[in-house]
């Protein structure tokens, strides 16, 4: 099941890589505050403050609310056990982005499962390197 989830996550990332992602400045200048919030949240980024958003483009309270709505949607997309597993499997750290969700423990468990697999793969590589160095006297 986890292999299927990983394959699905990788294919989704590959397809996303084919499209051009607008910059935060571009989204703000075009008035796409909700899309900016969703983009930030879905990447697991920290929610931007009012002053940070104002640096991108002129901001009013309605646009700030749109950003917050988008962020709530995006962070909910990010805070799934599948994303946690993929984050761990990639060797990336978890920064507490999902603390506001009741299922944070499931997210953390999935992240730890992925991180365990990541660490095991690294350990296997180190052992192979050591074995080659010890028995063959050279670097691969």
C-alpha atoms as a PDB file:
ATOM      1  CA  UNK A   1       0.000   0.000   0.000  1.00  0.00           C
ATOM      2  CA  UNK A   2       2.799   2.400   0.895  1.00  0.00           C
ATOM      3  CA  UNK A   3       4.549   1.639  -2.406  1.00  0.00           C
ATOM      4  CA  UNK A   4       1.361   2.542  -4.271  1.00  0.00           C
ATOM      5  CA  UNK A   5       1.038   5.734  -2.244  1.00  0.00           C
ATOM      6  CA  UNK A   6       4.660   6.624  -2.965  1.00  0.00           C
ATOM      7  CA  UNK A   7       4.204   5.953  -6.684  1.00  0.00           C
ATOM      8  CA  UNK A   8       1.082   8.112  -6.690  1.00  0.00           C
ATOM      9  CA  UNK A   9       2.858  10.932  -4.860  1.00  0.00           C
ATOM     10  CA  UNK A  10       5.850  10.790  -7.196  1.00  0.00           C
ATOM     11  CA  UNK A  11       3.683  10.789 -10.317  1.00  0.00           C
ATOM     12  CA  UNK A  12       1.703  13.734  -8.966  1.00  0.00           C
ATOM     13  CA  UNK A  13       4.928  15.637  -8.308  1.00  0.00           C
ATOM     14  CA  UNK A  14       6.225  14.775 -11.773  1.00  0.00           C
ATOM     15  CA  UNK A  15       3.060  16.084 -13.401  1.00  0.00           C
ATOM     16  CA  UNK A  16       3.147  19.195 -11.242  1.00  0.00           C
ATOM     17  CA  UNK A  17       6.728  19.793 -12.352  1.00  0.00           C
ATOM     18  CA  UNK A  18       5.563  20.051 -15.953  1.00  0.00           C
ATOM     19  CA  UNK A  19       3.382  23.054 -15.237  1.00  0.00           C
ATOM     20  CA  UNK A  20       4.622  26.538 -14.503  1.00  0.00           C
ATOM     21  CA  UNK A  21       3.936  27.627 -10.961  1.00  0.00           C
ATOM     22  CA  UNK A  22       3.356  31.351 -10.610  1.00  0.00           C
ATOM     23  CA  UNK A  23       5.500  33.221  -8.123  1.00  0.00           C
ATOM     24  CA  UNK A  24       3.984  34.613  -4.917  1.00  0.00           C
ATOM     25  CA  UNK A  25       4.575  38.135  -6.263  1.00  0.00           C
ATOM     26  CA  UNK A  26       2.713  37.303  -9.462  1.00  0.00           C
ATOM     27  CA  UNK A  27      -0.241  35.804  -7.620  1.00  0.00           C
ATOM     28  CA  UNK A  28      -0.450  38.793  -5.278  1.00  0.00           C
ATOM     29  CA  UNK A  29      -0.192  41.377  -8.045  1.00  0.00           C
ATOM     30  CA  UNK A  30      -2.948  39.576  -9.980  1.00  0.00           C
ATOM     31  CA  UNK A  31      -5.169  39.522  -6.878  1.00  0.00           C
ATOM     32  CA  UNK A  32      -5.066  35.738  -6.527  1.00  0.00           C
ATOM     33  CA  UNK A  33      -4.743  35.803  -2.745  1.00  0.00           C
ATOM     34  CA  UNK A  34      -6.685  32.607  -2.153  1.00  0.00           C
ATOM     35  CA  UNK A  35      -4.518  30.725  -4.656  1.00  0.00           C
ATOM     36  CA  UNK A  36      -1.399  32.094  -2.962  1.00  0.00           C
ATOM     37  CA  UNK A  37      -2.647  30.853   0.400  1.00  0.00           C
ATOM     38  CA  UNK A  38      -3.478  27.442  -0.998  1.00  0.00           C
ATOM     39  CA  UNK A  39      -0.055  27.199  -2.637  1.00  0.00           C
ATOM     40  CA  UNK A  40       1.715  28.097   0.625  1.00  0.00           C
ATOM     41  CA  UNK A  41      -0.367  25.665   2.656  1.00  0.00           C
ATOM     42  CA  UNK A  42      -0.070  22.762   0.230  1.00  0.00           C
ATOM     43  CA  UNK A  43       3.725  23.102   0.400  1.00  0.00           C
ATOM     44  CA  UNK A  44       3.627  23.017   4.202  1.00  0.00           C
ATOM     45  CA  UNK A  45       4.990  26.549   4.455  1.00  0.00           C
ATOM     46  CA  UNK A  46       4.296  28.749   7.453  1.00  0.00           C
ATOM     47  CA  UNK A  47       1.254  30.966   7.035  1.00  0.00           C
ATOM     48  CA  UNK A  48       2.346  34.441   5.933  1.00  0.00           C
ATOM     49  CA  UNK A  49       1.603  37.379   8.188  1.00  0.00           C
ATOM     50  CA  UNK A  50      -0.278  40.496   7.162  1.00  0.00           C
ATOM     51  CA  UNK A  51       3.001  42.413   6.874  1.00  0.00           C
ATOM     52  CA  UNK A  52       4.641  39.670   4.773  1.00  0.00           C
ATOM     53  CA  UNK A  53       1.700  39.697   2.380  1.00  0.00           C
ATOM     54  CA  UNK A  54       1.745  43.502   2.233  1.00  0.00           C
ATOM     55  CA  UNK A  55       5.344  43.333   1.033  1.00  0.00           C
ATOM     56  CA  UNK A  56       4.161  41.336  -1.990  1.00  0.00           C
ATOM     57  CA  UNK A  57       1.376  43.729  -2.959  1.00  0.00           C
ATOM     58  CA  UNK A  58      -1.119  46.148  -1.464  1.00  0.00           C
ATOM     59  CA  UNK A  59      -3.330  44.180   0.896  1.00  0.00           C
ATOM     60  CA  UNK A  60      -6.720  44.866   2.420  1.00  0.00           C
ATOM     61  CA  UNK A  61      -8.650  42.849   5.013  1.00  0.00           C
ATOM     62  CA  UNK A  62     -10.775  41.090   2.387  1.00  0.00           C
ATOM     63  CA  UNK A  63      -7.664  39.889   0.535  1.00  0.00           C
ATOM     64  CA  UNK A  64      -6.074  38.825   3.819  1.00  0.00           C
ATOM     65  CA  UNK A  65      -9.178  36.734   4.561  1.00  0.00           C
ATOM     66  CA  UNK A  66      -8.973  35.185   1.081  1.00  0.00           C
ATOM     67  CA  UNK A  67      -5.358  34.265   1.698  1.00  0.00           C
ATOM     68  CA  UNK A  68      -6.261  32.673   5.043  1.00  0.00           C
ATOM     69  CA  UNK A  69      -9.082  30.662   3.432  1.00  0.00           C
ATOM     70  CA  UNK A  70      -6.724  29.405   0.748  1.00  0.00           C
ATOM     71  CA  UNK A  71      -4.077  28.576   3.323  1.00  0.00           C
ATOM     72  CA  UNK A  72      -6.573  26.550   5.368  1.00  0.00           C
ATOM     73  CA  UNK A  73      -7.430  24.523   2.266  1.00  0.00           C
ATOM     74  CA  UNK A  74      -3.787  24.031   1.309  1.00  0.00           C
ATOM     75  CA  UNK A  75      -2.531  23.038   4.754  1.00  0.00           C
ATOM     76  CA  UNK A  76      -5.367  20.487   4.995  1.00  0.00           C
ATOM     77  CA  UNK A  77      -4.102  19.001   1.711  1.00  0.00           C
ATOM     78  CA  UNK A  78      -0.563  18.915   3.099  1.00  0.00           C
ATOM     79  CA  UNK A  79      -1.473  17.383   6.467  1.00  0.00           C
ATOM     80  CA  UNK A  80      -2.345  13.903   5.257  1.00  0.00           C
ATOM     81  CA  UNK A  81      -0.596  10.726   6.368  1.00  0.00           C
ATOM     82  CA  UNK A  82       0.463  10.151   2.746  1.00  0.00           C
ATOM     83  CA  UNK A  83       2.259  13.488   2.609  1.00  0.00           C
ATOM     84  CA  UNK A  84       3.856  12.820   5.983  1.00  0.00           C
ATOM     85  CA  UNK A  85       5.161   9.485   4.763  1.00  0.00           C
ATOM     86  CA  UNK A  86       6.550  11.017   1.574  1.00  0.00           C
ATOM     87  CA  UNK A  87       8.191  13.833   3.566  1.00  0.00           C
ATOM     88  CA  UNK A  88       9.915  11.290   5.819  1.00  0.00           C
ATOM     89  CA  UNK A  89      10.874   9.039   2.916  1.00  0.00           C
ATOM     90  CA  UNK A  90      12.560  12.062   1.333  1.00  0.00           C
ATOM     91  CA  UNK A  91      14.584  12.629   4.518  1.00  0.00           C
ATOM     92  CA  UNK A  92      12.903  15.957   5.191  1.00  0.00           C
ATOM     93  CA  UNK A  93      12.051  17.217   8.651  1.00  0.00           C
ATOM     94  CA  UNK A  94       8.597  17.897  10.037  1.00  0.00           C
ATOM     95  CA  UNK A  95       8.156  21.423  11.340  1.00  0.00           C
ATOM     96  CA  UNK A  96       4.870  21.109  13.241  1.00  0.00           C
ATOM     97  CA  UNK A  97       2.720  22.489  10.433  1.00  0.00           C
ATOM     98  CA  UNK A  98      -0.097  20.053  11.221  1.00  0.00           C
ATOM     99  CA  UNK A  99      -0.384  20.797  14.963  1.00  0.00           C
ATOM    100  CA  UNK A 100      -3.824  22.367  14.484  1.00  0.00           C
ATOM    101  CA  UNK A 101      -5.294  19.097  13.199  1.00  0.00           C
ATOM    102  CA  UNK A 102      -6.709  16.278  15.317  1.00  0.00           C
ATOM    103  CA  UNK A 103      -4.891  13.742  13.148  1.00  0.00           C
ATOM    104  CA  UNK A 104      -1.417  15.200  13.690  1.00  0.00           C
ATOM    105  CA  UNK A 105      -0.341  12.005  15.471  1.00  0.00           C
ATOM    106  CA  UNK A 106      -1.221   9.952  12.372  1.00  0.00           C
ATOM    107  CA  UNK A 107       0.753  12.416  10.246  1.00  0.00           C
ATOM    108  CA  UNK A 108       3.770  12.152  12.546  1.00  0.00           C
ATOM    109  CA  UNK A 109       3.578   8.340  12.620  1.00  0.00           C
ATOM    110  CA  UNK A 110       3.519   8.230   8.813  1.00  0.00           C
ATOM    111  CA  UNK A 111       6.403  10.709   8.663  1.00  0.00           C
ATOM    112  CA  UNK A 112       8.396   8.558  11.110  1.00  0.00           C
ATOM    113  CA  UNK A 113       7.650   5.436   9.008  1.00  0.00           C
ATOM    114  CA  UNK A 114       8.963   7.200   5.911  1.00  0.00           C
ATOM    115  CA  UNK A 115      11.992   8.536   7.768  1.00  0.00           C
ATOM    116  CA  UNK A 116      12.762   5.038   9.062  1.00  0.00           C
ATOM    117  CA  UNK A 117      12.804   3.727   5.489  1.00  0.00           C
ATOM    118  CA  UNK A 118      14.946   6.685   4.404  1.00  0.00           C
ATOM    119  CA  UNK A 119      17.450   6.013   7.210  1.00  0.00           C
ATOM    120  CA  UNK A 120      17.565   2.296   6.385  1.00  0.00           C
ATOM    121  CA  UNK A 121      18.295   3.050   2.724  1.00  0.00           C
ATOM    122  CA  UNK A 122      21.113   5.396   3.746  1.00  0.00           C
ATOM    123  CA  UNK A 123      22.483   2.800   6.150  1.00  0.00           C
ATOM    124  CA  UNK A 124      22.450   0.186   3.378  1.00  0.00           C
ATOM    125  CA  UNK A 125      24.417   2.551   1.133  1.00  0.00           C
ATOM    126  CA  UNK A 126      26.983   3.198   3.857  1.00  0.00           C
ATOM    127  CA  UNK A 127      27.390  -0.534   4.493  1.00  0.00           C
ATOM    128  CA  UNK A 128      27.873  -1.204   0.778  1.00  0.00           C
ATOM    129  CA  UNK A 129      30.483   1.557   0.599  1.00  0.00           C
ATOM    130  CA  UNK A 130      32.249   0.207   3.684  1.00  0.00           C
ATOM    131  CA  UNK A 131      32.204  -3.355   2.337  1.00  0.00           C
ATOM    132  CA  UNK A 132      33.665  -2.233  -0.988  1.00  0.00           C
ATOM    133  CA  UNK A 133      36.337  -0.115   0.693  1.00  0.00           C
ATOM    134  CA  UNK A 134      37.279  -2.863   3.157  1.00  0.00           C
ATOM    135  CA  UNK A 135      37.339  -5.794   0.771  1.00  0.00           C
ATOM    136  CA  UNK A 136      38.459  -4.198  -2.459  1.00  0.00           C
ATOM    137  CA  UNK A 137      40.651  -1.363  -1.200  1.00  0.00           C
ATOM    138  CA  UNK A 138      39.143   1.347  -3.353  1.00  0.00           C
ATOM    139  CA  UNK A 139      36.325   3.746  -3.748  1.00  0.00           C
ATOM    140  CA  UNK A 140      33.503   2.921  -6.131  1.00  0.00           C
END
